[in-house]
Protein backbone atom coordinates (compact mmCIF):
# COMPACT_ATOMS: atom_id res chain seq x y z
CA UNK A 1 5.87 -19.97 -28.16
CA UNK A 2 6.99 -16.49 -28.96
CA UNK A 3 3.41 -15.21 -29.44
CA UNK A 4 2.46 -16.76 -26.17
CA UNK A 5 5.35 -14.99 -24.47
CA UNK A 6 4.41 -11.69 -25.99
CA UNK A 7 0.77 -12.23 -24.87
CA UNK A 8 1.79 -13.10 -21.34
CA UNK A 9 4.24 -10.14 -20.91
CA UNK A 10 1.94 -7.76 -22.51
CA UNK A 11 -0.79 -8.80 -19.93
CA UNK A 12 1.62 -8.53 -17.12
CA UNK A 13 2.60 -4.94 -18.28
CA UNK A 14 -1.00 -3.97 -18.73
CA UNK A 15 -2.04 -5.21 -15.26
CA UNK A 16 0.90 -3.56 -13.57
CA UNK A 17 0.08 -0.21 -15.33
CA UNK A 18 -3.57 -0.65 -14.41
CA UNK A 19 -2.69 -1.42 -10.70
CA UNK A 20 -0.39 1.54 -10.51
CA UNK A 21 -2.86 3.90 -12.11
CA UNK A 22 -5.75 2.79 -10.19
CA UNK A 23 -3.85 3.02 -6.81
CA UNK A 24 -2.91 6.53 -7.68
CA UNK A 25 -6.44 7.40 -8.36
CA UNK A 26 -7.72 5.67 -5.26
CA UNK A 27 -5.10 7.52 -3.14
CA UNK A 28 -6.16 10.80 -4.61
CA UNK A 29 -9.73 9.95 -3.65
CA UNK A 30 -8.66 8.81 -0.17
CA UNK A 31 -6.75 12.00 0.47
CA UNK A 32 -10.08 14.09 0.34
CA UNK A 33 -11.44 12.28 3.39
CA UNK A 34 -14.84 11.96 1.69
CA UNK A 35 -16.94 9.02 2.57
CA UNK A 36 -20.72 8.71 1.95
CA UNK A 37 -22.60 8.13 5.19
CA UNK A 38 -22.63 4.40 6.21
CA UNK A 39 -19.83 3.49 3.76
CA UNK A 40 -16.39 2.60 4.80
CA UNK A 41 -13.66 4.80 3.11
CA UNK A 42 -11.19 1.99 2.71
CA UNK A 43 -13.81 -0.24 1.04
CA UNK A 44 -14.41 2.56 -1.43
CA UNK A 45 -10.78 2.71 -2.21
CA UNK A 46 -10.64 -1.12 -2.63
CA UNK A 47 -13.64 -0.98 -4.93
CA UNK A 48 -12.00 1.75 -6.94
CA UNK A 49 -8.79 -0.26 -7.61
CA UNK A 50 -10.88 -3.36 -8.40
CA UNK A 51 -13.03 -1.50 -10.92
CA UNK A 52 -9.93 0.12 -12.54
CA UNK A 53 -8.17 -3.26 -12.91
CA UNK A 54 -11.28 -4.73 -14.60
CA UNK A 55 -11.58 -7.58 -12.04
CA UNK A 56 -8.58 -9.34 -13.56
CA UNK A 57 -6.66 -9.55 -10.37
CA UNK A 58 -7.91 -10.29 -6.82
CA UNK A 59 -8.19 -7.10 -4.82
CA UNK A 60 -9.47 -7.21 -1.24
CA UNK A 61 -8.81 -5.89 2.20
CA UNK A 62 -5.86 -8.26 2.82
CA UNK A 63 -3.81 -7.12 -0.04
CA UNK A 64 -4.33 -3.39 0.28
CA UNK A 65 -2.43 -1.68 3.15
CA UNK A 66 -2.42 1.95 4.18
CA UNK A 67 -0.15 3.45 6.83
CA UNK A 68 -0.43 6.98 8.16
CA UNK A 69 2.44 9.20 9.22
CA UNK A 70 2.93 12.75 10.48
CA UNK A 71 5.26 13.73 7.78
CA UNK A 72 6.92 12.33 4.62
CA UNK A 73 10.18 12.15 6.45
CA UNK A 74 8.77 9.33 8.70
CA UNK A 75 7.80 6.99 5.81
CA UNK A 76 9.38 3.64 6.25
CA UNK A 77 11.34 4.63 9.33
CA UNK A 78 11.49 2.49 12.47
CA UNK A 79 10.08 3.68 15.81
CA UNK A 80 12.71 5.63 17.74
CA UNK A 81 14.67 3.53 20.20
CA UNK A 82 17.64 3.85 22.58
CA UNK A 83 20.40 1.55 21.25
CA UNK A 84 21.73 0.63 24.79
CA UNK A 85 24.31 -1.91 23.58
CA UNK A 86 25.39 0.20 20.55
CA UNK A 87 24.96 -2.61 17.93
CA UNK A 88 23.04 -0.35 15.49
CA UNK A 89 19.60 -2.18 15.65
CA UNK A 90 16.90 -2.65 18.07
CA UNK A 91 17.12 -5.62 20.57
CA UNK A 92 14.30 -6.84 22.75
CA UNK A 93 14.16 -4.92 25.98
CA UNK A 94 15.59 -1.74 24.66
CA UNK A 95 13.70 1.46 25.34
CA UNK A 96 11.61 2.70 22.49
CA UNK A 97 8.84 5.21 21.64
CA UNK A 98 5.61 3.47 20.60
CA UNK A 99 4.59 5.81 17.78
CA UNK A 100 1.78 3.63 16.52
CA UNK A 101 0.65 2.52 19.99
CA UNK A 102 0.42 -1.23 19.30
CA UNK A 103 2.49 -2.12 22.37
CA UNK A 104 5.62 -3.42 20.48
CA UNK A 105 8.57 -1.93 18.61
CA UNK A 106 8.20 -1.86 14.82
CA UNK A 107 10.60 -1.46 12.00
CA UNK A 108 7.99 0.81 10.39
CA UNK A 109 6.28 3.50 12.58
CA UNK A 110 3.31 3.86 10.30
CA UNK A 111 -0.16 3.75 11.97
CA UNK A 112 -2.53 1.39 10.08
CA UNK A 113 -5.42 3.25 8.50
CA UNK A 114 -6.25 6.22 6.15
CA UNK A 115 -4.96 8.85 8.55
CA UNK A 116 -6.50 12.17 9.45
CA UNK A 117 -6.33 15.59 7.84
CA UNK A 118 -2.87 16.72 6.81
CA UNK A 119 -1.30 13.32 7.51
CA UNK A 120 0.88 11.46 5.00
CA UNK A 121 -0.61 8.05 3.95
CA UNK A 122 1.24 5.37 2.04
CA UNK A 123 -1.02 3.22 -0.01
CA UNK A 124 0.25 -0.30 -1.13
CA UNK A 125 -1.28 -3.08 -3.05
CA UNK A 126 0.18 -6.51 -3.64
CA UNK A 127 -1.58 -9.18 -5.61
CA UNK A 128 -0.98 -12.28 -7.68
CA UNK A 129 -1.47 -12.89 -11.29
CA UNK A 130 -1.76 -16.59 -12.23
CA UNK A 131 -0.64 -15.97 -15.87
CA UNK A 132 -3.06 -15.84 -18.83
CA UNK A 133 -2.23 -19.17 -20.50
CA UNK A 134 0.21 -20.65 -18.04
CA UNK A 135 2.49 -22.19 -20.75
CA UNK A 136 5.41 -20.08 -19.53
CA UNK A 137 4.85 -20.64 -15.81
CA UNK A 138 8.05 -22.63 -15.34
CA UNK A 139 10.16 -20.09 -17.07
CA UNK A 140 8.85 -16.88 -15.47
CA UNK A 141 7.29 -18.27 -12.36
CA UNK A 142 3.72 -18.83 -11.20
CA UNK A 143 2.07 -16.86 -10.06
CA UNK A 144 3.45 -13.43 -10.85
CA UNK A 145 3.50 -10.89 -7.88
CA UNK A 146 2.19 -7.40 -8.94
CA UNK A 147 2.56 -4.49 -6.62
CA UNK A 148 2.28 -0.69 -6.51
CA UNK A 149 2.56 1.90 -3.86
CA UNK A 150 2.17 5.67 -3.58
CA UNK A 151 2.28 8.18 -0.82
CA UNK A 152 -0.02 11.34 -0.45
CA UNK A 153 -0.66 13.99 2.02
CA UNK A 154 -4.29 14.16 3.04
CA UNK A 155 -6.19 17.41 2.46
CA UNK A 156 -7.21 19.58 5.50
CA UNK A 157 -10.71 18.33 6.17
CA UNK A 158 -11.85 21.21 8.35
CA UNK A 159 -10.14 24.60 9.00
CA UNK A 160 -6.75 23.02 9.66
CA UNK A 161 -3.71 24.42 7.95
CA UNK A 162 -1.20 21.76 6.91
């Protein structure tokens, strides 16, 4: 049982490190704005993560998210609103600034996508690992959730100064 436990935990640590490293490399690639003609830049990023994790965990469009911001200080912040009743949180009907233009107030003002030049982009991937042997599934849970995230500022694509 000890050997099985060591194998399972080693695999989890390996996959988590692979996921973090691959996401960091994919974000570095994404920040350049490069995309071959006729190829979706987000798909290239997903393919990069999939390749670096050796196909051991499912990586697809549904578990890779990207949110763009104007500056690092906006990351994870809610859309600005006027707290009319003074209770410290947004209530339906209160006035707000729709930063991401989706027609509703959001607890995170990030705009879905890879952003433009000089924008800050948060890359996040969350996936499931069903365990290598499954013998310890009841003790440590099944499946294991693996996640990684990173934030980068996109390079200036043209003559823009960041």
